[in-house]
Amino acid sequence: MGYTHFLARRLANVGTEMSLDVLAYNLKRVLKTLGFSKTMKAMRLTGA
């Protein structure tokens, strides 16, 4: 994903930061694969 350092200092905060980075990466992949309208439809069906 291209990151070599974290902005957070403590381990719990670094874990949160990494989770957000991975979530953003995966969401970008889904949007690129399915497109916006299909992604939103799938999210509504799952209750997200």
N, C-alpha and C. Protein backbone atom coordinates (compact mmCIF):
# COMPACT_ATOMS: atom_id res chain seq x y z
N MET A 1 0.80 -1.18 0.00
CA MET A 1 0.00 0.00 0.00
C MET A 1 0.85 1.25 0.00
N GLY A 2 2.13 1.13 0.19
CA GLY A 2 3.01 2.27 0.01
C GLY A 2 3.39 3.02 1.26
N TYR A 3 2.87 2.65 2.43
CA TYR A 3 3.19 3.38 3.65
C TYR A 3 4.41 2.78 4.33
N THR A 4 5.32 3.61 4.77
CA THR A 4 6.52 3.12 5.46
C THR A 4 6.55 3.53 6.92
N HIS A 5 5.62 4.38 7.34
CA HIS A 5 5.57 4.80 8.74
C HIS A 5 4.13 5.16 9.10
N PHE A 6 3.87 5.23 10.40
CA PHE A 6 2.54 5.56 10.90
C PHE A 6 2.59 6.92 11.58
N LEU A 7 1.46 7.61 11.56
CA LEU A 7 1.36 8.90 12.23
C LEU A 7 1.12 8.73 13.72
N ALA A 8 0.47 7.63 14.11
CA ALA A 8 0.17 7.36 15.52
C ALA A 8 1.43 6.89 16.24
N ARG A 9 1.39 6.98 17.57
CA ARG A 9 2.57 6.61 18.35
C ARG A 9 2.41 5.31 19.14
N ARG A 10 1.25 5.09 19.74
CA ARG A 10 1.09 3.88 20.56
C ARG A 10 0.56 2.72 19.72
N LEU A 11 0.81 1.51 20.19
CA LEU A 11 0.47 0.30 19.44
C LEU A 11 -1.02 0.21 19.12
N ALA A 12 -1.88 0.53 20.09
CA ALA A 12 -3.32 0.47 19.83
C ALA A 12 -3.72 1.45 18.74
N ASN A 13 -3.14 2.63 18.76
CA ASN A 13 -3.45 3.64 17.74
C ASN A 13 -2.89 3.26 16.38
N VAL A 14 -1.74 2.62 16.37
CA VAL A 14 -1.16 2.16 15.10
C VAL A 14 -2.05 1.08 14.50
N GLY A 15 -2.57 0.21 15.33
CA GLY A 15 -3.49 -0.82 14.85
C GLY A 15 -4.74 -0.22 14.23
N THR A 16 -5.27 0.81 14.87
CA THR A 16 -6.44 1.50 14.33
C THR A 16 -6.12 2.17 13.01
N GLU A 17 -4.97 2.81 12.95
CA GLU A 17 -4.56 3.49 11.72
C GLU A 17 -4.39 2.49 10.58
N MET A 18 -3.79 1.35 10.87
CA MET A 18 -3.60 0.33 9.84
C MET A 18 -4.94 -0.23 9.38
N SER A 19 -5.86 -0.43 10.32
CA SER A 19 -7.19 -0.93 9.95
C SER A 19 -7.91 0.04 9.02
N LEU A 20 -7.81 1.33 9.30
CA LEU A 20 -8.43 2.33 8.43
C LEU A 20 -7.78 2.36 7.05
N ASP A 21 -6.46 2.20 7.01
CA ASP A 21 -5.76 2.17 5.72
C ASP A 21 -6.20 0.97 4.88
N VAL A 22 -6.31 -0.19 5.52
CA VAL A 22 -6.72 -1.40 4.81
C VAL A 22 -8.17 -1.29 4.35
N LEU A 23 -9.04 -0.72 5.20
CA LEU A 23 -10.43 -0.53 4.83
C LEU A 23 -10.55 0.39 3.61
N ALA A 24 -9.81 1.48 3.61
CA ALA A 24 -9.85 2.41 2.48
C ALA A 24 -9.33 1.74 1.21
N TYR A 25 -8.26 0.97 1.33
CA TYR A 25 -7.69 0.26 0.18
C TYR A 25 -8.71 -0.71 -0.41
N ASN A 26 -9.35 -1.50 0.45
CA ASN A 26 -10.32 -2.49 -0.01
C ASN A 26 -11.56 -1.82 -0.61
N LEU A 27 -12.01 -0.72 -0.01
CA LEU A 27 -13.17 -0.02 -0.54
C LEU A 27 -12.87 0.56 -1.92
N LYS A 28 -11.68 1.09 -2.11
CA LYS A 28 -11.29 1.61 -3.42
C LYS A 28 -11.27 0.49 -4.46
N ARG A 29 -10.81 -0.70 -4.07
CA ARG A 29 -10.80 -1.83 -5.00
C ARG A 29 -12.21 -2.25 -5.39
N VAL A 30 -13.11 -2.31 -4.40
CA VAL A 30 -14.50 -2.69 -4.68
C VAL A 30 -15.15 -1.66 -5.59
N LEU A 31 -14.94 -0.37 -5.31
CA LEU A 31 -15.53 0.68 -6.14
C LEU A 31 -15.02 0.60 -7.57
N LYS A 32 -13.75 0.30 -7.72
CA LYS A 32 -13.18 0.21 -9.07
C LYS A 32 -13.72 -1.03 -9.80
N THR A 33 -13.95 -2.11 -9.08
CA THR A 33 -14.42 -3.35 -9.69
C THR A 33 -15.91 -3.29 -10.04
N LEU A 34 -16.73 -2.90 -9.07
CA LEU A 34 -18.18 -2.93 -9.26
C LEU A 34 -18.75 -1.62 -9.78
N GLY A 35 -18.11 -0.53 -9.47
CA GLY A 35 -18.69 0.77 -9.77
C GLY A 35 -19.49 1.27 -8.57
N PHE A 36 -19.79 2.56 -8.58
CA PHE A 36 -20.42 3.18 -7.41
C PHE A 36 -21.83 2.66 -7.17
N SER A 37 -22.66 2.61 -8.19
CA SER A 37 -24.07 2.25 -7.98
C SER A 37 -24.22 0.80 -7.50
N LYS A 38 -23.47 -0.12 -8.06
CA LYS A 38 -23.55 -1.52 -7.62
C LYS A 38 -23.00 -1.69 -6.21
N THR A 39 -21.96 -0.93 -5.87
CA THR A 39 -21.41 -1.00 -4.52
C THR A 39 -22.42 -0.50 -3.50
N MET A 40 -23.07 0.63 -3.79
CA MET A 40 -24.07 1.17 -2.88
C MET A 40 -25.26 0.22 -2.74
N LYS A 41 -25.67 -0.40 -3.83
CA LYS A 41 -26.77 -1.37 -3.78
C LYS A 41 -26.40 -2.56 -2.89
N ALA A 42 -25.18 -3.07 -3.04
CA ALA A 42 -24.73 -4.20 -2.22
C ALA A 42 -24.64 -3.81 -0.75
N MET A 43 -24.20 -2.58 -0.47
CA MET A 43 -24.10 -2.13 0.92
C MET A 43 -25.49 -1.99 1.54
N ARG A 44 -26.46 -1.52 0.77
CA ARG A 44 -27.83 -1.41 1.28
C ARG A 44 -28.42 -2.78 1.57
N LEU A 45 -28.13 -3.76 0.71
CA LEU A 45 -28.66 -5.11 0.92
C LEU A 45 -28.09 -5.76 2.17
N THR A 46 -26.84 -5.44 2.51
CA THR A 46 -26.23 -6.03 3.70
C THR A 46 -26.53 -5.24 4.96
N GLY A 47 -27.13 -4.06 4.81
CA GLY A 47 -27.46 -3.25 5.98
C GLY A 47 -26.32 -2.39 6.47
N ALA A 48 -25.31 -2.20 5.65
CA ALA A 48 -24.16 -1.38 6.06
C ALA A 48 -24.48 0.09 5.94
